[in-house]
């Protein structure tokens, strides 16, 4: 993969993932759920999202980037279908 294409893919992933996280944060705020609330599925999901956002995407292979993209697409679908109705 050409570095330019990889950079574009990473930028798109960053924008998409941050938008997904922002929607979850909006939901937590609207529902008055503290981000440190124990045993709350939304908070656990938020913590997982934070870990995923800390990945160094530039260190990943193309196949790994594809997996990260699939993860964020699945999480976006999960939020749309289960949590943020």
N, C-alpha and C. Protein backbone atom coordinates (compact mmCIF):
# COMPACT_ATOMS: atom_id res chain seq x y z
N UNK A 1 0.86 -1.18 0.00
CA UNK A 1 0.00 0.00 0.00
C UNK A 1 0.90 1.23 0.00
N UNK A 2 0.57 2.19 -0.80
CA UNK A 2 1.32 3.44 -0.86
C UNK A 2 1.07 4.22 0.42
N UNK A 3 2.10 4.87 0.93
CA UNK A 3 1.99 5.61 2.19
C UNK A 3 0.86 6.64 2.16
N UNK A 4 0.68 7.30 1.02
CA UNK A 4 -0.40 8.28 0.92
C UNK A 4 -1.75 7.62 1.15
N UNK A 5 -1.97 6.47 0.52
CA UNK A 5 -3.24 5.76 0.68
C UNK A 5 -3.44 5.32 2.13
N UNK A 6 -2.35 4.87 2.75
CA UNK A 6 -2.43 4.45 4.15
C UNK A 6 -2.77 5.64 5.04
N UNK A 7 -2.16 6.77 4.77
CA UNK A 7 -2.42 7.98 5.56
C UNK A 7 -3.88 8.42 5.42
N UNK A 8 -4.40 8.37 4.21
CA UNK A 8 -5.80 8.74 3.98
C UNK A 8 -6.72 7.77 4.73
N UNK A 9 -6.44 6.48 4.64
CA UNK A 9 -7.25 5.49 5.34
C UNK A 9 -7.23 5.75 6.84
N UNK A 10 -6.07 6.05 7.38
CA UNK A 10 -5.93 6.32 8.82
C UNK A 10 -6.71 7.57 9.20
N UNK A 11 -6.62 8.60 8.40
CA UNK A 11 -7.37 9.83 8.70
C UNK A 11 -8.87 9.58 8.70
N UNK A 12 -9.34 8.82 7.73
CA UNK A 12 -10.77 8.49 7.69
C UNK A 12 -11.18 7.65 8.90
N UNK A 13 -10.33 6.70 9.27
CA UNK A 13 -10.61 5.89 10.46
C UNK A 13 -10.64 6.76 11.71
N UNK A 14 -9.71 7.69 11.82
CA UNK A 14 -9.69 8.59 12.98
C UNK A 14 -10.97 9.40 13.07
N UNK A 15 -11.40 9.97 11.97
CA UNK A 15 -12.62 10.77 11.98
C UNK A 15 -13.84 9.93 12.33
N UNK A 16 -13.94 8.76 11.72
CA UNK A 16 -15.09 7.88 11.97
C UNK A 16 -15.11 7.41 13.41
N UNK A 17 -13.97 6.97 13.92
CA UNK A 17 -13.91 6.45 15.28
C UNK A 17 -14.21 7.54 16.30
N UNK A 18 -13.66 8.71 16.10
CA UNK A 18 -13.92 9.82 17.04
C UNK A 18 -15.38 10.25 17.00
N UNK A 19 -16.00 10.17 15.85
CA UNK A 19 -17.43 10.47 15.76
C UNK A 19 -18.26 9.44 16.52
N UNK A 20 -17.86 8.19 16.42
CA UNK A 20 -18.55 7.12 17.14
C UNK A 20 -18.42 7.32 18.64
N UNK A 21 -17.21 7.63 19.09
CA UNK A 21 -16.97 7.87 20.52
C UNK A 21 -17.76 9.10 20.98
N UNK A 22 -17.79 10.14 20.19
CA UNK A 22 -18.52 11.35 20.55
C UNK A 22 -20.00 11.07 20.74
N UNK A 23 -20.57 10.21 19.90
CA UNK A 23 -21.98 9.85 20.06
C UNK A 23 -22.22 9.12 21.37
N UNK A 24 -21.29 8.22 21.73
CA UNK A 24 -21.43 7.51 23.00
C UNK A 24 -21.29 8.48 24.18
N UNK A 25 -20.36 9.41 24.10
CA UNK A 25 -20.19 10.40 25.16
C UNK A 25 -21.45 11.25 25.29
N UNK A 26 -22.03 11.62 24.15
CA UNK A 26 -23.28 12.38 24.18
C UNK A 26 -24.38 11.60 24.88
N UNK A 27 -24.45 10.31 24.61
CA UNK A 27 -25.45 9.46 25.26
C UNK A 27 -25.19 9.39 26.76
N UNK A 28 -23.94 9.18 27.15
CA UNK A 28 -23.60 9.11 28.57
C UNK A 28 -23.98 10.42 29.28
N UNK A 29 -23.70 11.52 28.63
CA UNK A 29 -24.02 12.83 29.20
C UNK A 29 -25.53 13.02 29.32
N UNK A 30 -26.24 12.69 28.27
CA UNK A 30 -27.70 12.85 28.26
C UNK A 30 -28.36 11.99 29.33
N UNK A 31 -27.81 10.80 29.56
CA UNK A 31 -28.37 9.89 30.55
C UNK A 31 -27.79 10.10 31.95
N UNK A 32 -26.92 11.10 32.09
CA UNK A 32 -26.25 11.39 33.37
C UNK A 32 -25.52 10.17 33.93
N UNK A 33 -24.82 9.47 33.06
CA UNK A 33 -24.02 8.32 33.47
C UNK A 33 -22.58 8.78 33.61
N UNK A 34 -22.03 8.64 34.80
CA UNK A 34 -20.64 9.03 35.04
C UNK A 34 -19.71 8.06 34.32
N UNK A 35 -18.61 8.59 33.75
CA UNK A 35 -17.71 7.74 32.99
C UNK A 35 -16.89 6.81 33.88
N UNK A 36 -17.02 6.96 35.18
CA UNK A 36 -16.34 6.05 36.09
C UNK A 36 -17.33 5.16 36.86
N UNK A 37 -18.57 5.11 36.37
CA UNK A 37 -19.59 4.28 37.00
C UNK A 37 -19.20 2.81 36.86
N UNK A 38 -19.16 2.08 37.97
CA UNK A 38 -18.78 0.67 37.89
C UNK A 38 -19.92 -0.18 37.32
N UNK A 39 -19.55 -1.23 36.65
CA UNK A 39 -20.51 -2.23 36.16
C UNK A 39 -21.58 -1.66 35.23
N UNK A 40 -21.23 -0.70 34.43
CA UNK A 40 -22.16 -0.13 33.46
C UNK A 40 -21.64 -0.46 32.06
N UNK A 41 -22.45 -1.11 31.27
CA UNK A 41 -22.01 -1.56 29.96
C UNK A 41 -21.58 -0.39 29.07
N UNK A 42 -22.23 0.74 29.20
CA UNK A 42 -21.87 1.91 28.39
C UNK A 42 -20.50 2.44 28.77
N UNK A 43 -20.21 2.42 30.06
CA UNK A 43 -18.91 2.90 30.54
C UNK A 43 -17.80 1.94 30.13
N UNK A 44 -18.08 0.65 30.20
CA UNK A 44 -17.10 -0.35 29.76
C UNK A 44 -16.81 -0.16 28.27
N UNK A 45 -17.85 0.08 27.50
CA UNK A 45 -17.68 0.32 26.08
C UNK A 45 -16.86 1.59 25.84
N UNK A 46 -17.13 2.63 26.61
CA UNK A 46 -16.35 3.87 26.49
C UNK A 46 -14.88 3.62 26.80
N UNK A 47 -14.59 2.85 27.84
CA UNK A 47 -13.20 2.53 28.19
C UNK A 47 -12.53 1.74 27.06
N UNK A 48 -13.26 0.83 26.47
CA UNK A 48 -12.74 0.06 25.34
C UNK A 48 -12.45 0.99 24.17
N UNK A 49 -13.34 1.90 23.91
CA UNK A 49 -13.13 2.86 22.83
C UNK A 49 -11.87 3.68 23.07
N UNK A 50 -11.66 4.11 24.31
CA UNK A 50 -10.45 4.89 24.61
C UNK A 50 -9.19 4.10 24.30
N UNK A 51 -9.20 2.81 24.63
CA UNK A 51 -8.05 1.96 24.33
C UNK A 51 -7.83 1.86 22.82
N UNK A 52 -8.90 1.70 22.09
CA UNK A 52 -8.78 1.60 20.63
C UNK A 52 -8.28 2.90 20.01
N UNK A 53 -8.68 4.03 20.57
CA UNK A 53 -8.22 5.31 20.05
C UNK A 53 -6.73 5.52 20.30
N UNK A 54 -6.18 4.82 21.27
CA UNK A 54 -4.76 4.96 21.58
C UNK A 54 -3.86 4.09 20.71
N UNK A 55 -4.44 3.29 19.82
CA UNK A 55 -3.63 2.48 18.92
C UNK A 55 -2.82 3.37 17.98
N UNK A 56 -1.59 2.97 17.73
CA UNK A 56 -0.78 3.67 16.73
C UNK A 56 -1.10 3.05 15.38
N UNK A 57 -2.01 3.67 14.67
CA UNK A 57 -2.47 3.11 13.40
C UNK A 57 -1.38 3.07 12.35
N UNK A 58 -0.42 3.97 12.43
CA UNK A 58 0.66 3.99 11.45
C UNK A 58 1.58 2.78 11.59
N UNK A 59 1.57 2.15 12.76
CA UNK A 59 2.42 0.97 12.98
C UNK A 59 1.74 -0.32 12.51
N UNK A 60 0.50 -0.23 12.08
CA UNK A 60 -0.26 -1.41 11.69
C UNK A 60 -0.09 -1.72 10.21
N UNK A 61 -0.25 -2.98 9.88
CA UNK A 61 -0.24 -3.39 8.48
C UNK A 61 -1.59 -3.06 7.85
N UNK A 62 -1.66 -3.22 6.53
CA UNK A 62 -2.92 -2.96 5.84
C UNK A 62 -4.02 -3.88 6.35
N UNK A 63 -3.70 -5.17 6.55
CA UNK A 63 -4.69 -6.11 7.06
C UNK A 63 -5.17 -5.72 8.45
N UNK A 64 -4.26 -5.27 9.29
CA UNK A 64 -4.64 -4.84 10.64
C UNK A 64 -5.51 -3.59 10.58
N UNK A 65 -5.21 -2.69 9.65
CA UNK A 65 -6.06 -1.50 9.48
C UNK A 65 -7.46 -1.90 9.05
N UNK A 66 -7.54 -2.90 8.20
CA UNK A 66 -8.86 -3.41 7.78
C UNK A 66 -9.62 -3.96 8.99
N UNK A 67 -8.94 -4.65 9.87
CA UNK A 67 -9.58 -5.18 11.07
C UNK A 67 -10.06 -4.06 11.99
N UNK A 68 -9.25 -3.03 12.13
CA UNK A 68 -9.64 -1.87 12.94
C UNK A 68 -10.86 -1.20 12.33
N UNK A 69 -10.87 -1.08 11.02
CA UNK A 69 -12.02 -0.48 10.33
C UNK A 69 -13.28 -1.32 10.58
N UNK A 70 -13.16 -2.63 10.49
CA UNK A 70 -14.31 -3.50 10.74
C UNK A 70 -14.78 -3.37 12.19
N UNK A 71 -13.85 -3.24 13.12
CA UNK A 71 -14.20 -3.04 14.53
C UNK A 71 -15.06 -1.79 14.69
N UNK A 72 -14.59 -0.66 14.13
CA UNK A 72 -15.32 0.59 14.29
C UNK A 72 -16.67 0.56 13.57
N UNK A 73 -16.74 -0.09 12.43
CA UNK A 73 -18.03 -0.23 11.75
C UNK A 73 -19.00 -1.04 12.61
N UNK A 74 -18.50 -2.11 13.23
CA UNK A 74 -19.35 -2.94 14.10
C UNK A 74 -19.79 -2.16 15.34
N UNK A 75 -18.89 -1.38 15.91
CA UNK A 75 -19.24 -0.60 17.10
C UNK A 75 -20.24 0.50 16.77
N UNK A 76 -20.09 1.09 15.60
CA UNK A 76 -21.05 2.10 15.15
C UNK A 76 -22.42 1.47 14.97
N UNK A 77 -22.45 0.31 14.38
CA UNK A 77 -23.72 -0.41 14.19
C UNK A 77 -24.32 -0.79 15.53
N UNK A 78 -23.49 -1.25 16.46
CA UNK A 78 -23.95 -1.59 17.80
C UNK A 78 -24.59 -0.38 18.49
N UNK A 79 -23.94 0.74 18.41
CA UNK A 79 -24.49 1.96 19.03
C UNK A 79 -25.82 2.33 18.38
N UNK A 80 -25.87 2.26 17.07
CA UNK A 80 -27.11 2.63 16.37
C UNK A 80 -28.26 1.68 16.67
N UNK A 81 -27.96 0.39 16.75
CA UNK A 81 -29.00 -0.61 16.88
C UNK A 81 -29.40 -0.94 18.31
N UNK A 82 -28.50 -0.78 19.25
CA UNK A 82 -28.76 -1.25 20.61
C UNK A 82 -28.85 -0.14 21.65
N UNK A 83 -27.93 0.81 21.59
CA UNK A 83 -27.80 1.75 22.68
C UNK A 83 -28.42 3.12 22.41
N UNK A 84 -28.29 3.60 21.23
CA UNK A 84 -28.66 5.00 20.97
C UNK A 84 -29.94 5.14 20.18
N UNK A 85 -30.88 4.27 20.44
CA UNK A 85 -32.14 4.32 19.71
C UNK A 85 -33.00 5.48 20.16
